[in-house]
N, C-alpha and C. Protein backbone atom coordinates (compact mmCIF):
# COMPACT_ATOMS: atom_id res chain seq x y z
N UNK A 1 43.77 11.61 59.27
CA UNK A 1 42.25 11.78 59.10
C UNK A 1 41.17 11.38 59.33
N UNK A 2 39.78 12.44 59.78
CA UNK A 2 38.71 11.88 60.63
C UNK A 2 37.46 12.15 59.61
N UNK A 3 36.59 11.13 60.21
CA UNK A 3 35.57 10.96 59.15
C UNK A 3 34.49 12.23 59.87
N UNK A 4 33.85 13.01 59.00
CA UNK A 4 33.20 14.12 59.91
C UNK A 4 31.78 13.34 60.09
N UNK A 5 31.39 12.82 61.15
CA UNK A 5 30.32 11.94 61.55
C UNK A 5 29.16 12.86 61.29
N UNK A 6 28.89 13.83 61.69
CA UNK A 6 27.75 14.65 61.47
C UNK A 6 27.15 14.53 59.99
N UNK A 7 28.17 14.98 58.95
CA UNK A 7 27.74 15.19 57.70
C UNK A 7 27.83 14.12 57.04
N UNK A 8 27.99 12.76 57.87
CA UNK A 8 27.83 11.46 57.21
C UNK A 8 26.31 11.14 57.55
N UNK A 9 25.81 11.27 58.23
CA UNK A 9 24.73 10.87 59.27
C UNK A 9 23.94 11.87 58.43
N UNK A 10 24.15 13.20 58.21
CA UNK A 10 23.30 14.31 57.52
C UNK A 10 22.98 13.69 56.48
N UNK A 11 23.93 13.21 55.58
CA UNK A 11 23.70 12.75 54.23
C UNK A 11 22.81 11.75 54.34
N UNK A 12 22.94 10.56 55.03
CA UNK A 12 22.25 9.54 54.68
C UNK A 12 20.74 9.69 55.28
N UNK A 13 20.57 10.21 56.05
CA UNK A 13 19.21 10.87 56.65
C UNK A 13 18.55 11.59 55.37
N UNK A 14 19.20 12.52 54.40
CA UNK A 14 18.78 13.36 53.09
C UNK A 14 18.34 12.14 52.34
N UNK A 15 19.42 11.50 51.95
CA UNK A 15 19.20 10.23 51.18
C UNK A 15 17.82 9.43 51.40
N UNK A 16 18.07 9.09 52.32
CA UNK A 16 16.50 8.09 53.23
C UNK A 16 15.25 8.76 52.97
N UNK A 17 15.10 10.32 53.08
CA UNK A 17 14.28 11.27 53.36
C UNK A 17 13.40 11.23 51.93
N UNK A 18 14.56 11.35 51.08
CA UNK A 18 14.23 11.40 49.58
C UNK A 18 13.52 10.63 48.94
N UNK A 19 14.37 8.96 49.27
CA UNK A 19 13.96 7.97 48.62
C UNK A 19 12.59 7.69 49.29
N UNK A 20 12.24 7.95 50.15
CA UNK A 20 10.95 7.96 51.07
C UNK A 20 9.96 8.60 50.54
N UNK A 21 9.87 9.82 50.53
CA UNK A 21 9.02 11.13 50.15
C UNK A 21 8.61 10.21 48.38
N UNK A 22 9.79 10.25 47.82
CA UNK A 22 9.31 9.65 46.33
C UNK A 22 8.49 8.45 46.24
N UNK A 23 9.01 7.28 47.00
CA UNK A 23 8.09 6.12 47.13
C UNK A 23 7.03 6.51 47.63
N UNK A 24 6.80 6.91 48.67
CA UNK A 24 5.50 7.67 48.99
C UNK A 24 4.40 8.04 48.24
N UNK A 25 5.01 9.22 47.21
CA UNK A 25 4.09 9.77 46.28
C UNK A 25 4.18 9.29 44.86
N UNK A 26 4.67 8.03 44.66
CA UNK A 26 5.01 7.57 43.34
C UNK A 26 3.68 7.47 42.28
N UNK A 27 2.89 7.37 43.17
CA UNK A 27 1.51 6.86 42.28
C UNK A 27 0.53 7.86 42.40
N UNK A 28 0.82 9.30 42.75
CA UNK A 28 -0.04 10.19 42.57
C UNK A 28 0.42 11.61 42.15
N UNK A 29 -0.85 12.19 41.56
CA UNK A 29 -0.20 13.15 40.86
C UNK A 29 -0.44 14.33 41.81
N UNK A 30 -0.99 14.28 42.90
CA UNK A 30 -1.68 15.33 43.55
C UNK A 30 -0.48 16.18 44.36
N UNK A 31 0.39 15.84 44.34
CA UNK A 31 1.41 16.47 45.23
C UNK A 31 2.51 17.33 43.94
N UNK A 32 2.73 18.27 44.44
CA UNK A 32 3.41 19.05 44.00
C UNK A 32 5.03 19.00 44.27
N UNK A 33 5.77 19.65 43.23
CA UNK A 33 7.51 19.30 43.24
C UNK A 33 7.76 20.16 44.64
N UNK A 34 6.75 21.36 44.87
CA UNK A 34 7.24 22.84 45.77
C UNK A 34 6.71 21.58 47.13
N UNK A 35 5.55 21.16 46.86
CA UNK A 35 4.79 20.20 48.25
C UNK A 35 6.24 19.30 48.80
N UNK A 36 7.08 18.44 47.88
CA UNK A 36 7.49 17.37 47.73
C UNK A 36 8.72 17.85 48.81
N UNK A 37 9.37 19.23 48.18
CA UNK A 37 10.49 19.61 48.49
C UNK A 37 10.31 20.30 49.91
N UNK A 38 9.31 20.79 50.31
CA UNK A 38 8.75 21.17 51.53
C UNK A 38 8.86 20.01 52.70
N UNK A 39 8.26 18.77 52.36
CA UNK A 39 8.17 17.71 53.07
C UNK A 39 9.49 17.15 52.78
N UNK A 40 10.44 17.18 52.37
CA UNK A 40 11.89 16.21 52.39
C UNK A 40 12.48 17.75 53.24
N UNK A 41 12.88 18.46 53.40
CA UNK A 41 13.22 19.50 54.28
C UNK A 41 12.72 19.68 55.59
N UNK A 42 11.27 19.65 55.87
CA UNK A 42 11.00 19.70 57.09
C UNK A 42 11.12 18.27 57.82
N UNK A 43 11.43 17.49 57.31
CA UNK A 43 11.39 15.91 57.66
C UNK A 43 12.86 15.19 58.02
N UNK A 44 13.71 16.04 57.11
CA UNK A 44 15.39 15.91 57.31
C UNK A 44 15.44 16.95 58.69
N UNK A 45 15.32 17.91 58.63
CA UNK A 45 15.61 18.59 59.62
C UNK A 45 15.01 18.16 61.19
N UNK A 46 13.64 17.78 61.05
CA UNK A 46 13.48 17.27 62.37
C UNK A 46 14.22 15.52 62.66
N UNK A 47 14.29 14.99 61.78
CA UNK A 47 15.32 13.98 62.05
C UNK A 47 16.52 14.01 62.52
N UNK A 48 17.06 15.18 61.91
CA UNK A 48 18.57 15.72 62.27
C UNK A 48 18.61 16.34 63.92
N UNK A 49 17.63 17.07 64.16
CA UNK A 49 17.17 18.05 65.57
C UNK A 49 17.20 16.79 66.30
N UNK A 50 16.45 15.54 66.29
CA UNK A 50 16.27 14.64 67.03
C UNK A 50 17.29 13.95 67.15
N UNK A 51 18.23 13.41 66.10
CA UNK A 51 19.93 12.88 66.49
C UNK A 51 20.29 13.83 67.37
N UNK A 52 20.65 15.02 67.06
CA UNK A 52 21.44 15.97 67.95
C UNK A 52 20.84 16.03 69.46
N UNK A 53 19.59 15.74 69.53
CA UNK A 53 19.52 15.65 70.98
C UNK A 53 19.94 14.04 71.70
N UNK A 54 20.51 13.48 71.36
CA UNK A 54 20.89 12.11 71.76
C UNK A 54 22.42 11.85 71.63
N UNK A 55 22.92 12.74 70.58
CA UNK A 55 24.14 12.16 69.84
C UNK A 55 24.89 13.69 70.49
N UNK A 56 26.36 13.64 70.50
CA UNK A 56 27.00 14.94 70.67
C UNK A 56 27.95 14.57 68.98
N UNK A 57 28.00 15.44 68.44
CA UNK A 57 29.07 15.40 67.30
C UNK A 57 30.35 16.40 67.58
N UNK A 58 30.72 16.02 68.91
CA UNK A 58 31.83 16.90 69.41
C UNK A 58 32.96 16.85 68.33
N UNK A 59 33.27 15.59 67.45
CA UNK A 59 34.30 15.34 67.05
C UNK A 59 34.50 16.20 66.17
N UNK A 60 33.31 16.72 65.31
CA UNK A 60 33.21 17.35 64.12
C UNK A 60 34.13 18.64 64.35
N UNK A 61 33.37 19.57 65.38
CA UNK A 61 33.42 20.59 65.99
C UNK A 61 35.32 20.90 66.37
N UNK A 62 35.75 20.02 66.98
CA UNK A 62 36.90 20.07 67.49
C UNK A 62 37.98 19.87 66.48
N UNK A 63 37.74 18.87 65.00
CA UNK A 63 38.28 18.82 63.83
C UNK A 63 38.52 20.06 63.34
N UNK A 64 37.16 20.85 63.18
CA UNK A 64 37.10 22.31 62.29
C UNK A 64 38.19 23.20 63.05
N UNK A 65 37.73 23.35 64.33
CA UNK A 65 38.79 24.09 65.56
C UNK A 65 40.14 23.70 64.93
N UNK A 66 40.40 22.77 64.73
CA UNK A 66 41.87 22.06 64.81
C UNK A 66 42.58 22.73 63.41
N UNK A 67 41.94 23.02 62.30
CA UNK A 67 41.99 22.93 60.74
C UNK A 67 42.15 24.80 60.59
N UNK A 68 41.51 25.41 61.71
CA UNK A 68 41.49 26.85 61.80
C UNK A 68 42.84 27.48 62.13
């Protein structure tokens, strides 16, 4: 059994971004749910893009190809 490193990193990034955005706007009523969702999605995507620039998640793709 091999861990899916990309998915683990993605899950950690998503959780961290969600907690950070919620904390940042905790005491304000000016942000809408749609704005919060858009901010989270964009931040998550850009963090994952940056990580993919410096890390290869090759084992994930090799494992998927072995399973097919």
